[in-house]
């Protein structure tokens, strides 16, 4: 079962002004290692939560927490674009990827 590892104080804002909060989630695999991915949840509660594929594999939960604590806003930008592409390929081949900008919450 997936566990919330870390919620960040940085948000992602799309070109049309929609804001998303990034969170790292993780799950233990049968071999004891942990996988981690990012989810981007709309701050207004409307729309779809976007999810990346696996971003990392770590030997244990502590290592996953450490990895998550080191992510920077520029990483979130790339991960958000990857998550949008995954959603786009699942829903429509014609959807374009919006440019994003990471900005600190105030």
C-alpha atoms as a PDB file:
ATOM      1  CA  UNK A   1       0.000   0.000   0.000  1.00  0.00           C
ATOM      2  CA  UNK A   2       1.307   3.446  -0.928  1.00  0.00           C
ATOM      3  CA  UNK A   3       2.477   5.755   1.854  1.00  0.00           C
ATOM      4  CA  UNK A   4       2.852   9.516   1.830  1.00  0.00           C
ATOM      5  CA  UNK A   5       6.564  10.173   2.309  1.00  0.00           C
ATOM      6  CA  UNK A   6       6.753  13.968   2.042  1.00  0.00           C
ATOM      7  CA  UNK A   7       4.580  16.935   1.069  1.00  0.00           C
ATOM      8  CA  UNK A   8       6.510  19.942  -0.221  1.00  0.00           C
ATOM      9  CA  UNK A   9       6.136  23.676   0.370  1.00  0.00           C
ATOM     10  CA  UNK A  10       6.773  24.334  -3.330  1.00  0.00           C
ATOM     11  CA  UNK A  11       3.922  24.497  -5.809  1.00  0.00           C
ATOM     12  CA  UNK A  12       3.793  24.081  -9.561  1.00  0.00           C
ATOM     13  CA  UNK A  13       1.757  26.623 -11.528  1.00  0.00           C
ATOM     14  CA  UNK A  14       0.600  25.932 -15.080  1.00  0.00           C
ATOM     15  CA  UNK A  15       0.392  28.553 -17.829  1.00  0.00           C
ATOM     16  CA  UNK A  16      -3.339  28.907 -17.151  1.00  0.00           C
ATOM     17  CA  UNK A  17      -2.772  29.543 -13.433  1.00  0.00           C
ATOM     18  CA  UNK A  18      -3.711  26.187 -11.952  1.00  0.00           C
ATOM     19  CA  UNK A  19      -1.531  25.297  -8.961  1.00  0.00           C
ATOM     20  CA  UNK A  20      -0.443  21.824  -7.880  1.00  0.00           C
ATOM     21  CA  UNK A  21       1.225  20.625  -4.672  1.00  0.00           C
ATOM     22  CA  UNK A  22       3.897  17.938  -5.161  1.00  0.00           C
ATOM     23  CA  UNK A  23       4.089  14.969  -2.814  1.00  0.00           C
ATOM     24  CA  UNK A  24       6.373  11.969  -2.746  1.00  0.00           C
ATOM     25  CA  UNK A  25       4.721   8.606  -2.236  1.00  0.00           C
ATOM     26  CA  UNK A  26       6.392   5.278  -1.738  1.00  0.00           C
ATOM     27  CA  UNK A  27       5.671   1.609  -1.501  1.00  0.00           C
ATOM     28  CA  UNK A  28       7.642  -1.338  -0.232  1.00  0.00           C
ATOM     29  CA  UNK A  29       8.260  -4.091  -2.758  1.00  0.00           C
ATOM     30  CA  UNK A  30       8.306  -7.817  -1.938  1.00  0.00           C
ATOM     31  CA  UNK A  31      12.124  -7.804  -1.887  1.00  0.00           C
ATOM     32  CA  UNK A  32      12.138  -5.125   0.850  1.00  0.00           C
ATOM     33  CA  UNK A  33      13.245  -2.249  -1.372  1.00  0.00           C
ATOM     34  CA  UNK A  34      11.112   0.877  -1.733  1.00  0.00           C
ATOM     35  CA  UNK A  35       9.966   2.618  -4.886  1.00  0.00           C
ATOM     36  CA  UNK A  36       9.058   6.292  -4.949  1.00  0.00           C
ATOM     37  CA  UNK A  37       7.045   8.501  -7.284  1.00  0.00           C
ATOM     38  CA  UNK A  38       5.602  12.006  -7.275  1.00  0.00           C
ATOM     39  CA  UNK A  39       1.969  13.041  -7.292  1.00  0.00           C
ATOM     40  CA  UNK A  40       0.751  16.552  -8.098  1.00  0.00           C
ATOM     41  CA  UNK A  41      -2.585  17.471  -6.528  1.00  0.00           C
ATOM     42  CA  UNK A  42      -4.549  20.570  -7.601  1.00  0.00           C
ATOM     43  CA  UNK A  43      -4.667  23.074  -4.738  1.00  0.00           C
ATOM     44  CA  UNK A  44      -8.278  23.997  -5.544  1.00  0.00           C
ATOM     45  CA  UNK A  45      -9.429  20.377  -5.308  1.00  0.00           C
ATOM     46  CA  UNK A  46     -10.606  20.460  -8.925  1.00  0.00           C
ATOM     47  CA  UNK A  47      -9.089  18.458 -11.716  1.00  0.00           C
ATOM     48  CA  UNK A  48      -6.979  15.350 -11.822  1.00  0.00           C
ATOM     49  CA  UNK A  49      -4.094  14.424  -9.570  1.00  0.00           C
ATOM     50  CA  UNK A  50      -1.116  13.739 -11.805  1.00  0.00           C
ATOM     51  CA  UNK A  51       1.340  10.951 -11.041  1.00  0.00           C
ATOM     52  CA  UNK A  52       4.749  10.079 -12.383  1.00  0.00           C
ATOM     53  CA  UNK A  53       6.012   6.619 -12.977  1.00  0.00           C
ATOM     54  CA  UNK A  54       8.651   5.325 -10.575  1.00  0.00           C
ATOM     55  CA  UNK A  55      11.216   8.051  -9.917  1.00  0.00           C
ATOM     56  CA  UNK A  56      13.534   6.069  -7.652  1.00  0.00           C
ATOM     57  CA  UNK A  57      14.223   2.724  -6.023  1.00  0.00           C
ATOM     58  CA  UNK A  58      15.816   2.796  -2.578  1.00  0.00           C
ATOM     59  CA  UNK A  59      17.023   0.036  -0.256  1.00  0.00           C
ATOM     60  CA  UNK A  60      14.649   1.027   2.572  1.00  0.00           C
ATOM     61  CA  UNK A  61      12.068   3.591   3.649  1.00  0.00           C
ATOM     62  CA  UNK A  62      14.643   5.764   5.415  1.00  0.00           C
ATOM     63  CA  UNK A  63      16.654   6.050   2.187  1.00  0.00           C
ATOM     64  CA  UNK A  64      13.488   6.984   0.288  1.00  0.00           C
ATOM     65  CA  UNK A  65      12.710   9.701   2.847  1.00  0.00           C
ATOM     66  CA  UNK A  66      16.260  11.008   2.484  1.00  0.00           C
ATOM     67  CA  UNK A  67      15.984  11.023  -1.326  1.00  0.00           C
ATOM     68  CA  UNK A  68      12.647  12.861  -1.141  1.00  0.00           C
ATOM     69  CA  UNK A  69      14.046  15.485   1.235  1.00  0.00           C
ATOM     70  CA  UNK A  70      16.698  16.467  -1.300  1.00  0.00           C
ATOM     71  CA  UNK A  71      14.440  17.250  -4.250  1.00  0.00           C
ATOM     72  CA  UNK A  72      14.564  20.803  -5.588  1.00  0.00           C
ATOM     73  CA  UNK A  73      11.912  22.863  -7.437  1.00  0.00           C
ATOM     74  CA  UNK A  74      13.621  22.276 -10.805  1.00  0.00           C
ATOM     75  CA  UNK A  75      13.132  18.527 -10.284  1.00  0.00           C
ATOM     76  CA  UNK A  76       9.418  19.073  -9.715  1.00  0.00           C
ATOM     77  CA  UNK A  77       9.150  20.958 -13.016  1.00  0.00           C
ATOM     78  CA  UNK A  78      10.523  18.003 -14.965  1.00  0.00           C
ATOM     79  CA  UNK A  79       8.489  15.481 -12.996  1.00  0.00           C
ATOM     80  CA  UNK A  80       5.312  17.512 -13.580  1.00  0.00           C
ATOM     81  CA  UNK A  81       5.957  17.520 -17.322  1.00  0.00           C
ATOM     82  CA  UNK A  82       6.496  13.738 -17.255  1.00  0.00           C
ATOM     83  CA  UNK A  83       3.239  13.288 -15.320  1.00  0.00           C
ATOM     84  CA  UNK A  84       1.381  15.468 -17.835  1.00  0.00           C
ATOM     85  CA  UNK A  85       2.744  13.378 -20.711  1.00  0.00           C
ATOM     86  CA  UNK A  86       1.557  10.197 -18.972  1.00  0.00           C
ATOM     87  CA  UNK A  87      -1.919  11.689 -18.544  1.00  0.00           C
ATOM     88  CA  UNK A  88      -1.888  12.968 -22.117  1.00  0.00           C
ATOM     89  CA  UNK A  89      -0.945   9.596 -23.560  1.00  0.00           C
ATOM     90  CA  UNK A  90      -3.684   7.971 -21.502  1.00  0.00           C
ATOM     91  CA  UNK A  91      -6.405  10.435 -22.485  1.00  0.00           C
ATOM     92  CA  UNK A  92      -5.513  12.046 -25.803  1.00  0.00           C
ATOM     93  CA  UNK A  93      -2.575  11.971 -28.138  1.00  0.00           C
ATOM     94  CA  UNK A  94      -3.367  15.566 -29.120  1.00  0.00           C
ATOM     95  CA  UNK A  95      -3.062  17.189 -25.671  1.00  0.00           C
ATOM     96  CA  UNK A  96      -0.061  19.469 -25.410  1.00  0.00           C
ATOM     97  CA  UNK A  97       2.161  19.814 -22.408  1.00  0.00           C
ATOM     98  CA  UNK A  98       1.749  23.142 -20.671  1.00  0.00           C
ATOM     99  CA  UNK A  99       4.771  25.011 -19.509  1.00  0.00           C
ATOM    100  CA  UNK A 100       5.134  25.082 -15.765  1.00  0.00           C
ATOM    101  CA  UNK A 101       6.858  27.244 -13.275  1.00  0.00           C
ATOM    102  CA  UNK A 102       7.835  26.202  -9.775  1.00  0.00           C
ATOM    103  CA  UNK A 103       7.280  28.837  -7.171  1.00  0.00           C
ATOM    104  CA  UNK A 104       7.536  28.792  -3.422  1.00  0.00           C
ATOM    105  CA  UNK A 105       4.337  28.936  -1.424  1.00  0.00           C
ATOM    106  CA  UNK A 106       4.030  32.022   0.657  1.00  0.00           C
END
